[in-house]
Amino acid sequence: MTHETDITGVLKADAGSLLVDVRSPNEFVKGHIPGALHIPVFDDEERAQVGIRYKKAGRSKATDLAMELVRPKQQDLLEQVQKLAKTGKVTLYCWRGGMRSAKFAQFLSENGLEVDLIKGGYKSYRNLIYNSFKLPWKLVVVGGMTGTGKTDILVELKTRKCQVLDMEGLANHKGSTFGALGQANQPSTEQFQNNIWEIWQHFDITKPIFVEDESQAIGTVRIPDRLF
């Protein structure tokens, strides 16, 4: 059985459903919902082929090509999901909640899985983040020269149950000239924003949020304009 659900419902739901991003690899790397597993229906080249067919020949012909490309790997995709979906429940999304996720959701449902389809897809998640950052949050910036213990202050505030946002930790960068040394690869700016909101959504808007004073660029990523 397939249901359509909005993004807020998905984020408030329990962790029993497997969250799956069916977009192409490049789309996923650029940005995805934190915690989503990547099981792409098309690779990057296939997605480009379908897009070109759509522009040249229309929706029907593009759909025909899409089905032709997916058919040989349907069983493998099904087995991947079945192996990972321990409860038999799956939540799917593509870019806008279109044909990619809808057709795959139907296929999974026909094979015994309970499927939720995110209305509006990943785009609805990005809109949610954008609108959330527009709210009147109470940011308290902890400033000071390098080496004056700003990070230690934030750590202490966190132990006291204060709301703390560790921008450098989410960016995998210590903020200095050599801040990337010893860190994991930095996410894209879009994914950095997603990672911020993954923490941000649990904050109380009526209480202060403590952040370290940063330039807008932390290594290769940028702090959202509305938070800078």
Protein backbone atom coordinates (compact mmCIF):
# COMPACT_ATOMS: atom_id res chain seq x y z
CA MET A 1 0.00 0.00 0.00
CA THR A 2 1.23 3.51 -0.89
CA HIS A 3 0.42 6.69 1.04
CA GLU A 4 1.37 10.30 0.38
CA THR A 5 2.64 12.27 3.37
CA ASP A 6 4.03 15.77 3.87
CA ILE A 7 7.58 16.44 5.02
CA THR A 8 6.62 17.59 8.53
CA GLY A 9 4.83 14.31 9.12
CA VAL A 10 7.90 12.37 8.02
CA LEU A 11 10.22 14.30 10.33
CA LYS A 12 7.92 13.76 13.32
CA ALA A 13 7.39 10.05 12.63
CA ASP A 14 9.20 7.30 14.50
CA ALA A 15 12.34 5.70 13.07
CA GLY A 16 10.58 2.50 12.05
CA SER A 17 10.34 3.42 8.37
CA LEU A 18 13.36 3.22 6.06
CA LEU A 19 13.99 6.65 4.50
CA VAL A 20 15.19 6.26 0.90
CA ASP A 21 16.43 8.89 -1.56
CA VAL A 22 15.92 7.57 -5.11
CA ARG A 23 17.61 10.47 -6.92
CA SER A 24 20.81 10.23 -8.94
CA PRO A 25 24.26 10.19 -7.25
CA ASN A 26 25.10 13.81 -8.09
CA GLU A 27 21.78 15.01 -6.71
CA PHE A 28 22.32 13.05 -3.49
CA VAL A 29 25.85 14.38 -2.95
CA LYS A 30 24.70 17.96 -3.49
CA GLY A 31 22.17 17.58 -0.69
CA HIS A 32 19.83 15.07 0.94
CA ILE A 33 17.72 14.61 4.04
CA PRO A 34 20.09 13.55 6.84
CA GLY A 35 19.68 9.87 7.62
CA ALA A 36 18.35 8.96 4.17
CA LEU A 37 19.80 5.92 2.42
CA HIS A 38 20.70 6.33 -1.23
CA ILE A 39 19.15 3.81 -3.61
CA PRO A 40 19.13 5.60 -6.99
CA VAL A 41 16.59 4.61 -9.62
CA PHE A 42 18.80 6.22 -12.31
CA ASP A 43 22.50 6.95 -12.42
CA ASP A 44 23.59 10.43 -13.52
CA GLU A 45 23.87 9.52 -17.20
CA GLU A 46 20.47 7.81 -17.27
CA ARG A 47 18.83 10.79 -15.60
CA ALA A 48 20.35 13.07 -18.24
CA GLN A 49 19.06 10.80 -21.02
CA VAL A 50 15.51 10.91 -19.65
CA GLY A 51 15.69 14.70 -19.31
CA ILE A 52 16.84 15.10 -22.91
CA ARG A 53 14.09 12.76 -24.16
CA TYR A 54 11.51 14.79 -22.22
CA LYS A 55 12.66 18.06 -23.82
CA LYS A 56 12.78 16.63 -27.33
CA ALA A 57 9.83 14.24 -27.40
CA GLY A 58 7.61 14.98 -24.40
CA ARG A 59 6.51 13.29 -21.21
CA SER A 60 5.18 10.05 -22.69
CA LYS A 61 8.38 9.21 -24.57
CA ALA A 62 10.50 10.15 -21.57
CA THR A 63 8.41 7.82 -19.39
CA ASP A 64 8.88 5.00 -21.90
CA LEU A 65 12.65 5.48 -21.80
CA ALA A 66 12.65 5.64 -18.01
CA MET A 67 10.81 2.33 -17.74
CA GLU A 68 13.18 0.78 -20.28
CA LEU A 69 16.19 1.86 -18.22
CA VAL A 70 14.77 0.72 -14.88
CA ARG A 71 13.32 -2.64 -15.93
CA PRO A 72 16.63 -4.62 -15.98
CA LYS A 73 17.51 -3.54 -12.44
CA GLN A 74 14.09 -3.65 -10.79
CA GLN A 75 14.76 -6.91 -8.98
CA ASP A 76 18.10 -5.71 -7.63
CA LEU A 77 16.52 -2.47 -6.38
CA LEU A 78 13.73 -4.43 -4.72
CA GLU A 79 16.17 -6.75 -2.98
CA GLN A 80 18.20 -3.80 -1.68
CA VAL A 81 15.12 -2.25 -0.11
CA GLN A 82 13.78 -5.53 1.27
CA LYS A 83 17.11 -6.25 2.94
CA LEU A 84 17.25 -2.84 4.63
CA ALA A 85 13.57 -2.29 5.49
CA LYS A 86 13.44 -4.40 8.65
CA THR A 87 9.86 -3.39 9.48
CA GLY A 88 8.59 -3.59 5.91
CA LYS A 89 7.94 0.17 5.93
CA VAL A 90 9.62 2.55 3.48
CA THR A 91 9.49 6.33 2.96
CA LEU A 92 10.59 7.50 -0.49
CA TYR A 93 11.44 10.80 -2.08
CA CYS A 94 12.85 12.17 -5.33
CA TRP A 95 13.32 15.83 -6.26
CA ARG A 96 9.67 16.97 -6.40
CA GLY A 97 7.67 13.85 -5.57
CA GLY A 98 7.27 13.04 -9.25
CA MET A 99 7.43 9.97 -11.46
CA ARG A 100 10.70 8.56 -10.14
CA SER A 101 9.50 8.09 -6.59
CA ALA A 102 5.84 7.47 -7.52
CA LYS A 103 6.58 4.59 -9.91
CA PHE A 104 9.14 3.06 -7.57
CA ALA A 105 6.71 3.37 -4.66
CA GLN A 106 4.05 1.56 -6.68
CA PHE A 107 6.52 -1.21 -7.56
CA LEU A 108 7.57 -1.69 -3.94
CA SER A 109 3.96 -1.68 -2.79
CA GLU A 110 3.07 -4.36 -5.33
CA ASN A 111 5.83 -6.47 -3.78
CA GLY A 112 4.48 -6.32 -0.25
CA LEU A 113 6.10 -3.22 1.25
CA GLU A 114 4.22 -0.41 3.00
CA VAL A 115 5.33 2.81 1.32
CA ASP A 116 5.01 6.49 2.22
CA LEU A 117 5.75 8.99 -0.56
CA ILE A 118 6.93 12.45 0.50
CA LYS A 119 4.63 15.04 -1.06
CA GLY A 120 6.74 17.58 -2.94
CA GLY A 121 9.87 15.47 -2.52
CA TYR A 122 13.25 16.84 -1.46
CA LYS A 123 12.19 20.29 -2.66
CA SER A 124 9.57 20.43 0.11
CA TYR A 125 12.31 19.69 2.66
CA ARG A 126 14.47 22.53 1.33
CA ASN A 127 11.49 24.91 1.43
CA LEU A 128 10.86 23.92 5.04
CA ILE A 129 14.46 24.77 5.96
CA TYR A 130 14.37 28.11 4.14
CA ASN A 131 11.15 29.17 5.86
CA SER A 132 12.39 28.01 9.26
CA PHE A 133 15.53 30.15 9.03
CA LYS A 134 13.29 33.20 8.42
CA LEU A 135 11.78 32.95 11.92
CA PRO A 136 12.98 35.36 14.68
CA TRP A 137 15.48 33.09 16.41
CA LYS A 138 17.51 34.46 19.35
CA LEU A 139 21.14 33.96 18.32
CA VAL A 140 23.88 34.71 20.88
CA VAL A 141 27.31 34.96 19.23
CA VAL A 142 30.36 33.94 21.30
CA GLY A 143 33.28 36.04 20.00
CA GLY A 144 36.98 36.41 20.68
CA MET A 145 40.44 35.97 19.16
CA THR A 146 41.72 32.56 18.06
CA GLY A 147 42.84 30.53 21.06
CA THR A 148 40.71 32.35 23.64
CA GLY A 149 38.56 29.31 24.39
CA LYS A 150 35.36 30.03 22.46
CA THR A 151 34.84 26.34 21.73
CA ASP A 152 35.36 25.47 25.40
CA ILE A 153 32.66 27.97 26.34
CA LEU A 154 30.22 26.37 23.91
CA VAL A 155 31.03 22.91 25.26
CA GLU A 156 30.35 24.12 28.80
CA LEU A 157 27.08 25.75 27.73
CA LYS A 158 26.00 22.49 26.13
CA THR A 159 26.71 20.56 29.35
CA ARG A 160 24.39 23.03 31.07
CA LYS A 161 21.59 22.08 28.65
CA CYS A 162 21.81 25.34 26.69
CA GLN A 163 20.97 25.38 22.98
CA VAL A 164 24.31 25.27 21.13
CA LEU A 165 24.92 25.08 17.39
CA ASP A 166 28.42 23.86 16.48
CA MET A 167 28.87 25.30 12.98
CA GLU A 168 32.48 24.12 12.66
CA GLY A 169 31.59 20.58 13.67
CA LEU A 170 28.77 20.42 11.11
CA ALA A 171 31.11 21.87 8.45
CA ASN A 172 33.94 19.40 9.26
CA HIS A 173 36.28 22.39 9.56
CA LYS A 174 37.89 24.18 12.51
CA GLY A 175 37.49 27.59 10.94
CA SER A 176 41.18 28.55 10.77
CA THR A 177 43.58 28.60 7.81
CA PHE A 178 44.42 24.93 8.36
CA GLY A 179 41.01 24.05 9.76
CA ALA A 180 40.46 21.15 7.37
CA LEU A 181 43.47 19.19 8.64
CA GLY A 182 42.46 15.95 10.32
CA GLN A 183 38.79 16.44 9.43
CA ALA A 184 36.45 14.41 7.24
CA ASN A 185 35.63 15.82 3.80
CA GLN A 186 33.46 18.91 3.93
CA PRO A 187 29.84 18.57 2.80
CA SER A 188 28.40 20.77 0.06
CA THR A 189 26.98 24.10 1.22
CA GLU A 190 23.48 22.74 0.66
CA GLN A 191 24.15 19.66 2.77
CA PHE A 192 25.78 21.85 5.43
CA GLN A 193 22.51 23.78 5.66
CA ASN A 194 20.59 20.51 5.92
CA ASN A 195 22.89 19.38 8.72
CA ILE A 196 22.35 22.67 10.55
CA TRP A 197 18.60 22.26 10.36
CA GLU A 198 18.79 18.67 11.57
CA ILE A 199 19.94 20.16 14.91
CA TRP A 200 18.01 23.41 14.59
CA GLN A 201 14.56 21.78 14.31
CA HIS A 202 14.80 20.60 17.92
CA PHE A 203 15.53 24.06 19.34
CA ASP A 204 13.01 26.17 21.27
CA ILE A 205 12.44 29.44 19.38
CA THR A 206 11.79 31.28 22.67
CA LYS A 207 15.24 30.47 24.10
CA PRO A 208 18.72 31.70 23.02
CA ILE A 209 20.89 29.69 20.64
CA PHE A 210 24.63 30.01 21.21
CA VAL A 211 26.98 30.00 18.21
CA GLU A 212 30.66 30.76 17.73
CA ASP A 213 31.60 33.93 15.84
CA GLU A 214 32.48 32.85 12.29
CA SER A 215 33.09 34.38 8.89
CA GLN A 216 30.32 33.46 6.46
CA ALA A 217 32.61 30.92 4.79
CA ILE A 218 33.84 27.99 6.87
CA GLY A 219 36.31 26.33 4.55
CA THR A 220 34.35 25.62 1.37
CA VAL A 221 30.84 25.97 2.83
CA ARG A 222 28.82 29.09 3.58
CA ILE A 223 26.61 29.89 6.54
CA PRO A 224 23.03 30.68 5.38
CA ASP A 225 22.49 34.43 4.91
CA ARG A 226 19.66 34.46 7.43
CA LEU A 227 21.92 33.07 10.17
CA PHE A 228 24.94 35.26 9.47
